[in-house]
């Protein structure tokens, strides 16, 4: 079973940027659609960004479009999330997720229930 470990969270000033990484174990990473989600205190977990297994298709939540970038390196079993122009509303625990279900090279998944493997999460706090 694949395991995911996020890194790169921390305290960031408003207007700054973040760079998160998610390292996956296992040999099938290159066949999984991947996603980043976040959960703020007292709120439901929400989709942030997703990427197909080929890396050729991506999708973002509207609030992140234009200031976020998801990417992956299948040779390194790693998926990345970069975001800039951060605001306090970006404060949350950020989770990496893998969808191990079959998908086409262009499939991007955006719903929590479409992902079956989750990392432990990394806290991102944006100070004003």
Foldseek 3Di string as FASTA:
>chain_A
DKAKAKDWADEAAAQFKTKMKIAIDDDCLLQWKKFKWWDAPPGDIFTAKIAFSLRPEMDGDPVQPPFKDWGDDSVRRMIMIMGGNDDQVPWTWMKMFIQPDGDDRHDIDTDPVNTDYIYPTDTHGYHD
